[in-house]
Amino acid sequence: MNNKNPLLGYGALFLAIACLPALGVYPIFVMKVLCFALFACAFNLLIGFTGLLSFGHAAFLGTAAYATGHALKVWGLPTPLGLLFGALAAGGVGLVFGLLAIRRVGIYFSMITLALSQMLYFVFLQAPFTGGEDGLQSVPRGSFLGLDLSSDLTLYYVVLAIFIGAFWLIYRTVHSPFGQVLTSIRENEARATSLGYDTDKFKLLAFVLSATLAGLAGATKTLVLGFATLTDALWTTSGAVILMTLVGGMGTLVGPMVGALIIIALENKIGDLGKALADLTGVAWFNGLGESVSLVTGLIFIVCVLAFRRGVVGEAHALWLRLRKP
C-alpha cells in the first residue's frame, strides 16, 4: 500500500481542523478535544500497538498538568520550557512505573499501574504545591516563540501544531522497525523473544514514550484551561481514556481522535441534547441527562463492546473493505 495516501488523508484532516474557528466553532472546545485526543493516542500506542493495558495513565496526565502549572505560575518559566518540563516529568514517572510493572503481564500489570496511579493521586492530594482539592488555579499562558497566547485563536494554532507534531511522532514510531517489534510483542511475545528481542526493554521504551506523550497532553491542557485539578490524576480519567480508545478504534491512528471527540462532546453537550429530547418527546426524564454523563458513557461502552468490537473507525474501515470486494 502506498504510504502517501494516508499522509494525504491526515493532512486533509488537520487542514479541516485548522479551518474550524473560521466556521464559528468554539476554539476552547476544540483545543480540549485535541488535548484528550493526544492523551488517547498516547494510550493507544501502549494498548493498541504493544498490547499493554494500563489502568493508571491518568497519573501521567496529572503529573504533567501540575508540573507545567507550577513551572509557569511559580517558577515563571517560558511556556515552551514549561510544556517540556511537564512532559519530561510525566516521562520520569512513567519510567518508575514501568520499571515496577513491566515484568508482570495481563491483569497483574494493569492492577500494578492502577495501584501506583492511586498512590500518586494521594500524593497530589496532600502536596502543598498542587493546591489540594482546590487545584492549581490561574496558570498564565505566556507566549510561545514570540506569539502572545492570550488570544484564544493564537493558542488554538499552537495547540494544533503541538498535536500534529506528537501525532507525527506516533505515526513514525508505529511504522518504524521499533513499531514492528512492538506489534510482534502484541501478537506473540514468546515468538518475539525467540527471535532474540529483549521484549521487556521494548515494552519499557513504549511505556515511557506513551507516558511522555500523555504528559504532553496534560501540560497542553493546563495551558488551555489555565488550571490543573485532582481530576486530572483520578482513576476515572484513566477509565475515560480507555473508553475513548475503544469507542474510536483501538489499534488505529485516527480512532482515538474520534473517540475523544465523541466522549468530550457528550460530556459538554449532553445537557443540551437532553433538553432537546425532552421538548421533542415531552418526556421530562430527558432533562436530567446532563447529570447522568457517566450513565450515558457507560451505555455507549456496553454498546461498543457488544456491537462495535473494533470501534467506530475500525468498523468503518472493515465495512469499506467489504464494499470494495468484487
Protein backbone atom coordinates (compact mmCIF):
# COMPACT_ATOMS: atom_id res chain seq x y z
CA MET A 1 0.00 0.00 0.00
CA ASN A 2 1.28 3.45 -0.88
CA ASN A 3 2.21 5.35 2.28
CA LYS A 4 1.41 8.69 0.67
CA ASN A 5 -2.34 8.06 0.68
CA PRO A 6 -2.79 8.03 4.48
CA LEU A 7 -0.46 11.01 4.81
CA LEU A 8 -2.63 12.98 2.38
CA GLY A 9 -5.68 11.95 4.38
CA TYR A 10 -4.12 13.08 7.65
CA GLY A 11 -3.07 16.35 6.02
CA ALA A 12 -6.64 16.97 4.84
CA LEU A 13 -7.94 16.16 8.33
CA PHE A 14 -5.60 18.62 10.03
CA LEU A 15 -6.39 21.28 7.42
CA ALA A 16 -10.09 20.84 8.20
CA ILE A 17 -9.38 21.20 11.93
CA ALA A 18 -7.40 24.37 11.24
CA CYS A 19 -10.45 25.85 9.47
CA LEU A 20 -12.89 25.15 12.32
CA PRO A 21 -12.56 28.57 14.03
CA ALA A 22 -13.44 30.27 10.76
CA LEU A 23 -16.65 28.21 10.72
CA GLY A 24 -17.68 29.52 14.13
CA VAL A 25 -16.63 26.51 16.24
CA TYR A 26 -15.66 27.43 19.81
CA PRO A 27 -11.81 27.24 19.95
CA ILE A 28 -11.60 26.23 23.62
CA PHE A 29 -13.80 23.20 23.00
CA VAL A 30 -11.70 22.04 20.04
CA MET A 31 -8.47 22.57 22.00
CA LYS A 32 -9.84 20.46 24.84
CA VAL A 33 -10.73 17.73 22.35
CA LEU A 34 -7.23 17.92 20.85
CA CYS A 35 -5.64 17.55 24.29
CA PHE A 36 -7.70 14.47 25.12
CA ALA A 37 -7.20 13.13 21.59
CA LEU A 38 -3.44 13.30 22.17
CA PHE A 39 -3.95 11.59 25.53
CA ALA A 40 -5.93 8.82 23.83
CA CYS A 41 -3.38 8.47 21.01
CA ALA A 42 -0.61 8.09 23.59
CA PHE A 43 -2.61 5.43 25.42
CA ASN A 44 -3.39 3.70 22.13
CA LEU A 45 0.33 3.44 21.40
CA LEU A 46 0.58 1.28 24.51
CA ILE A 47 -2.56 -0.86 24.28
CA GLY A 48 -3.29 -0.85 20.56
CA PHE A 49 0.24 -1.44 19.26
CA THR A 50 2.02 -3.06 22.22
CA GLY A 51 -0.82 -4.93 23.90
CA LEU A 52 -0.32 -3.44 27.38
CA LEU A 53 -3.45 -2.31 29.23
CA SER A 54 -2.68 0.41 31.77
CA PHE A 55 -5.29 1.39 34.33
CA GLY A 56 -3.18 4.28 35.61
CA HIS A 57 -2.50 6.55 32.65
CA ALA A 58 -4.17 9.49 34.39
CA ALA A 59 -1.08 9.65 36.62
CA PHE A 60 0.97 10.93 33.68
CA LEU A 61 -1.68 13.42 32.60
CA GLY A 62 -1.94 14.75 36.16
CA THR A 63 1.82 14.83 36.76
CA ALA A 64 2.43 16.94 33.67
CA ALA A 65 -0.57 19.16 34.41
CA TYR A 66 0.73 20.04 37.88
CA ALA A 67 4.38 20.23 36.78
CA THR A 68 3.62 22.61 33.92
CA GLY A 69 1.25 24.71 36.00
CA HIS A 70 3.82 25.07 38.80
CA ALA A 71 6.63 25.83 36.35
CA LEU A 72 4.65 28.56 34.60
CA LYS A 73 2.94 30.12 37.61
CA VAL A 74 5.53 29.81 40.40
CA TRP A 75 8.86 29.50 38.64
CA GLY A 76 7.95 31.78 35.74
CA LEU A 77 9.48 29.55 33.07
CA PRO A 78 8.80 30.38 29.41
CA THR A 79 5.81 28.50 28.06
CA PRO A 80 7.77 26.11 25.77
CA LEU A 81 10.06 25.14 28.67
CA GLY A 82 7.05 24.69 30.95
CA LEU A 83 5.43 22.32 28.48
CA LEU A 84 8.70 20.43 28.03
CA PHE A 85 9.18 20.20 31.79
CA GLY A 86 5.71 18.75 32.24
CA ALA A 87 6.20 16.13 29.50
CA LEU A 88 9.62 15.12 30.90
CA ALA A 89 8.20 14.89 34.43
CA ALA A 90 5.50 12.53 33.16
CA GLY A 91 8.14 10.53 31.30
CA GLY A 92 10.16 10.21 34.50
CA VAL A 93 7.13 8.96 36.40
CA GLY A 94 6.44 6.59 33.50
CA LEU A 95 9.98 5.21 33.80
CA VAL A 96 9.48 4.49 37.51
CA PHE A 97 6.05 2.93 36.91
CA GLY A 98 7.40 0.89 34.01
CA LEU A 99 10.35 -0.50 35.93
CA LEU A 100 7.95 -1.66 38.65
CA ALA A 101 5.19 -3.04 36.41
CA ILE A 102 6.67 -4.11 33.10
CA ARG A 103 7.78 -7.57 34.23
CA ARG A 104 4.19 -8.51 35.03
CA VAL A 105 1.69 -9.49 32.37
CA GLY A 106 -2.06 -9.36 31.90
CA ILE A 107 -4.25 -8.24 34.74
CA TYR A 108 -1.28 -8.10 37.13
CA PHE A 109 0.37 -5.41 35.01
CA SER A 110 -2.91 -3.46 34.84
CA MET A 111 -3.53 -3.63 38.58
CA ILE A 112 0.02 -2.51 39.42
CA THR A 113 -0.38 0.56 37.21
CA LEU A 114 -3.71 1.30 38.91
CA ALA A 115 -2.21 0.96 42.39
CA LEU A 116 0.75 3.18 41.54
CA SER A 117 -1.55 5.77 40.00
CA GLN A 118 -3.73 5.87 43.11
CA MET A 119 -0.65 6.29 45.30
CA LEU A 120 0.40 9.27 43.19
CA TYR A 121 -3.13 10.68 43.38
CA PHE A 122 -2.95 10.79 47.18
CA VAL A 123 0.48 12.44 46.93
CA PHE A 124 -1.09 15.18 44.83
CA LEU A 125 -3.95 15.44 47.31
CA GLN A 126 -1.54 16.16 50.19
CA ALA A 127 1.27 18.03 48.42
CA PRO A 128 1.31 21.80 49.09
CA PHE A 129 2.27 22.81 45.54
CA THR A 130 -0.87 21.26 43.98
CA GLY A 131 -3.41 23.31 45.91
CA GLY A 132 -5.10 20.17 47.24
CA GLU A 133 -8.80 19.92 46.44
CA ASP A 134 -8.83 23.49 45.13
CA GLY A 135 -6.30 22.65 42.43
CA LEU A 136 -3.68 24.84 40.83
CA GLN A 137 -5.51 27.91 39.53
CA SER A 138 -4.73 30.92 37.31
CA VAL A 139 -1.88 29.38 35.32
CA PRO A 140 -0.59 32.04 32.88
CA ARG A 141 -0.39 31.27 29.19
CA GLY A 142 2.60 33.46 28.46
CA SER A 143 4.00 33.44 24.95
CA PHE A 144 5.21 30.74 22.60
CA LEU A 145 8.18 31.58 20.37
CA GLY A 146 7.16 35.24 20.33
CA LEU A 147 3.42 34.55 19.88
CA ASP A 148 1.15 36.05 22.52
CA LEU A 149 -1.07 33.23 23.78
CA SER A 150 -3.61 35.48 25.47
CA SER A 151 -5.58 35.23 22.23
CA ASP A 152 -7.63 32.02 22.03
CA LEU A 153 -7.12 31.89 18.26
CA THR A 154 -3.33 32.10 18.53
CA LEU A 155 -3.31 29.43 21.23
CA TYR A 156 -5.56 27.29 19.04
CA TYR A 157 -2.99 27.03 16.27
CA VAL A 158 -0.15 26.46 18.75
CA VAL A 159 -2.09 23.55 20.29
CA LEU A 160 -2.87 22.19 16.84
CA ALA A 161 0.82 22.37 15.91
CA ILE A 162 1.74 20.51 19.12
CA PHE A 163 -0.84 17.84 18.35
CA ILE A 164 0.35 17.43 14.76
CA GLY A 165 3.96 17.08 15.94
CA ALA A 166 3.01 14.45 18.52
CA PHE A 167 0.80 12.62 16.01
CA TRP A 168 3.66 12.57 13.50
CA LEU A 169 5.94 11.08 16.17
CA ILE A 170 3.39 8.34 16.90
CA TYR A 171 2.96 7.68 13.18
CA ARG A 172 6.71 7.36 12.64
CA THR A 173 7.05 5.14 15.71
CA VAL A 174 4.31 2.77 14.58
CA HIS A 175 5.76 2.49 11.06
CA SER A 176 9.38 2.08 12.16
CA PRO A 177 11.25 -1.17 12.87
CA PHE A 178 10.74 -0.38 16.57
CA GLY A 179 6.99 -0.21 15.99
CA GLN A 180 7.04 -3.52 14.12
CA VAL A 181 8.73 -5.15 17.10
CA LEU A 182 6.03 -3.71 19.38
CA THR A 183 3.36 -5.20 17.11
CA SER A 184 5.09 -8.58 17.20
CA ILE A 185 5.14 -8.42 21.00
CA ARG A 186 1.41 -7.72 20.98
CA GLU A 187 0.71 -10.63 18.65
CA ASN A 188 3.10 -13.22 20.09
CA GLU A 189 5.58 -12.16 22.77
CA ALA A 190 7.08 -15.63 23.09
CA ARG A 191 7.98 -15.67 19.40
CA ALA A 192 9.47 -12.17 19.59
CA THR A 193 11.64 -13.39 22.47
CA SER A 194 12.69 -16.45 20.49
CA LEU A 195 13.84 -14.14 17.67
CA GLY A 196 16.28 -12.51 20.07
CA TYR A 197 14.40 -9.35 21.08
CA ASP A 198 14.55 -8.15 24.67
CA THR A 199 10.78 -7.71 24.99
CA ASP A 200 10.94 -6.14 28.45
CA LYS A 201 13.22 -3.43 27.11
CA PHE A 202 10.92 -2.70 24.17
CA LYS A 203 7.83 -2.64 26.40
CA LEU A 204 9.55 -0.27 28.81
CA LEU A 205 10.52 2.10 26.00
CA ALA A 206 6.94 2.03 24.69
CA PHE A 207 5.59 2.67 28.19
CA VAL A 208 7.88 5.66 28.75
CA LEU A 209 7.10 7.12 25.32
CA SER A 210 3.37 6.71 25.93
CA ALA A 211 3.70 8.34 29.37
CA THR A 212 5.67 11.27 27.92
CA LEU A 213 3.11 11.92 25.19
CA ALA A 214 0.28 11.62 27.74
CA GLY A 215 2.20 14.15 29.81
CA LEU A 216 2.41 16.50 26.83
CA ALA A 217 -1.38 16.25 26.58
CA GLY A 218 -1.74 17.12 30.27
CA ALA A 219 0.70 20.02 30.01
CA THR A 220 -1.14 21.42 26.99
CA LYS A 221 -4.50 21.04 28.74
CA THR A 222 -3.24 23.09 31.68
CA LEU A 223 -2.11 25.79 29.26
CA VAL A 224 -5.50 25.83 27.53
CA LEU A 225 -7.77 25.77 30.58
CA GLY A 226 -5.48 27.67 32.97
CA PHE A 227 -5.73 25.19 35.84
CA ALA A 228 -4.83 21.68 36.99
CA THR A 229 -7.03 19.69 39.37
CA LEU A 230 -7.10 16.33 41.10
CA THR A 231 -9.49 15.08 38.42
CA ASP A 232 -6.55 15.00 36.01
CA ALA A 233 -4.95 12.24 38.11
CA LEU A 234 -8.12 10.43 39.19
CA TRP A 235 -8.78 6.81 38.20
CA THR A 236 -11.94 7.87 36.36
CA THR A 237 -9.75 9.80 33.92
CA SER A 238 -7.83 6.58 33.24
CA GLY A 239 -11.17 4.91 32.58
CA ALA A 240 -12.21 7.73 30.26
CA VAL A 241 -9.13 7.36 28.06
CA ILE A 242 -9.76 3.60 27.81
CA LEU A 243 -13.31 4.37 26.73
CA MET A 244 -12.15 6.92 24.15
CA THR A 245 -9.71 4.42 22.63
CA LEU A 246 -12.22 1.55 22.50
CA VAL A 247 -15.07 3.68 21.12
CA GLY A 248 -12.88 5.24 18.43
CA GLY A 249 -10.99 2.11 17.43
CA MET A 250 -8.08 0.50 19.25
CA GLY A 251 -5.01 -0.11 17.11
CA THR A 252 -5.87 2.63 14.60
CA LEU A 253 -4.21 6.03 14.44
CA VAL A 254 -7.37 8.09 13.91
CA GLY A 255 -9.65 6.04 16.17
CA PRO A 256 -8.58 7.63 19.48
CA MET A 257 -9.19 11.08 17.99
CA VAL A 258 -12.73 10.12 17.02
CA GLY A 259 -13.32 8.52 20.41
CA ALA A 260 -12.08 11.63 22.23
CA LEU A 261 -14.40 13.82 20.15
CA ILE A 262 -17.41 11.61 20.92
CA ILE A 263 -16.79 11.40 24.67
CA ILE A 264 -15.86 15.09 25.18
CA ALA A 265 -18.80 16.21 23.04
CA LEU A 266 -21.13 14.06 25.13
CA GLU A 267 -19.78 15.45 28.38
CA ASN A 268 -20.21 19.03 27.18
CA LYS A 269 -23.38 18.81 25.10
CA ILE A 270 -25.42 16.04 26.71
CA GLY A 271 -27.41 18.57 28.78
CA ASP A 272 -28.49 20.42 25.63
CA LEU A 273 -29.29 17.10 23.96
CA GLY A 274 -31.44 16.07 26.93
CA LYS A 275 -33.41 19.31 26.80
CA ALA A 276 -33.96 18.92 23.05
CA LEU A 277 -35.19 15.35 23.53
CA ALA A 278 -37.49 16.46 26.35
CA ASP A 279 -39.00 19.16 24.15
CA LEU A 280 -39.35 16.76 21.25
CA THR A 281 -40.85 13.80 23.11
CA GLY A 282 -42.48 15.50 26.09
CA VAL A 283 -40.66 13.15 28.48
CA ALA A 284 -39.35 15.18 31.40
CA TRP A 285 -36.79 12.50 32.32
CA PHE A 286 -34.54 13.60 29.46
CA ASN A 287 -33.94 16.92 31.26
CA GLY A 288 -31.81 15.02 33.77
CA LEU A 289 -29.42 13.63 31.16
CA GLY A 290 -26.94 16.41 31.90
CA GLU A 291 -26.45 14.93 35.37
CA SER A 292 -26.13 11.37 34.04
CA VAL A 293 -22.99 11.62 31.90
CA SER A 294 -21.49 8.51 33.49
CA LEU A 295 -24.66 6.54 32.77
CA VAL A 296 -24.70 7.55 29.11
CA THR A 297 -20.98 6.91 28.56
CA GLY A 298 -21.36 3.55 30.29
CA LEU A 299 -24.19 2.61 27.93
CA ILE A 300 -22.04 3.68 24.97
CA PHE A 301 -19.23 1.47 26.26
CA ILE A 302 -21.59 -1.52 26.54
CA VAL A 303 -22.97 -0.99 23.03
CA CYS A 304 -19.45 -0.58 21.65
CA VAL A 305 -18.22 -3.80 23.26
CA LEU A 306 -21.27 -5.79 22.14
CA ALA A 307 -21.83 -4.41 18.65
CA PHE A 308 -18.71 -2.48 17.59
CA ARG A 309 -15.78 -4.51 18.84
CA ARG A 310 -13.36 -2.68 16.53
CA GLY A 311 -14.68 0.79 17.39
CA VAL A 312 -16.14 3.40 15.09
CA VAL A 313 -13.09 3.74 12.84
CA GLY A 314 -12.33 0.01 12.85
CA GLU A 315 -15.87 -0.94 11.87
CA ALA A 316 -15.99 1.78 9.20
CA HIS A 317 -12.71 0.50 7.73
CA ALA A 318 -13.97 -3.10 7.77
CA LEU A 319 -17.19 -2.01 6.02
CA TRP A 320 -15.18 -0.13 3.39
CA LEU A 321 -13.08 -3.23 2.71
CA ARG A 322 -16.21 -5.39 2.33
CA LEU A 323 -17.74 -2.91 -0.11
CA ARG A 324 -14.55 -2.85 -2.20
CA LYS A 325 -14.57 -6.62 -2.70
CA PRO A 326 -15.90 -7.66 -6.13
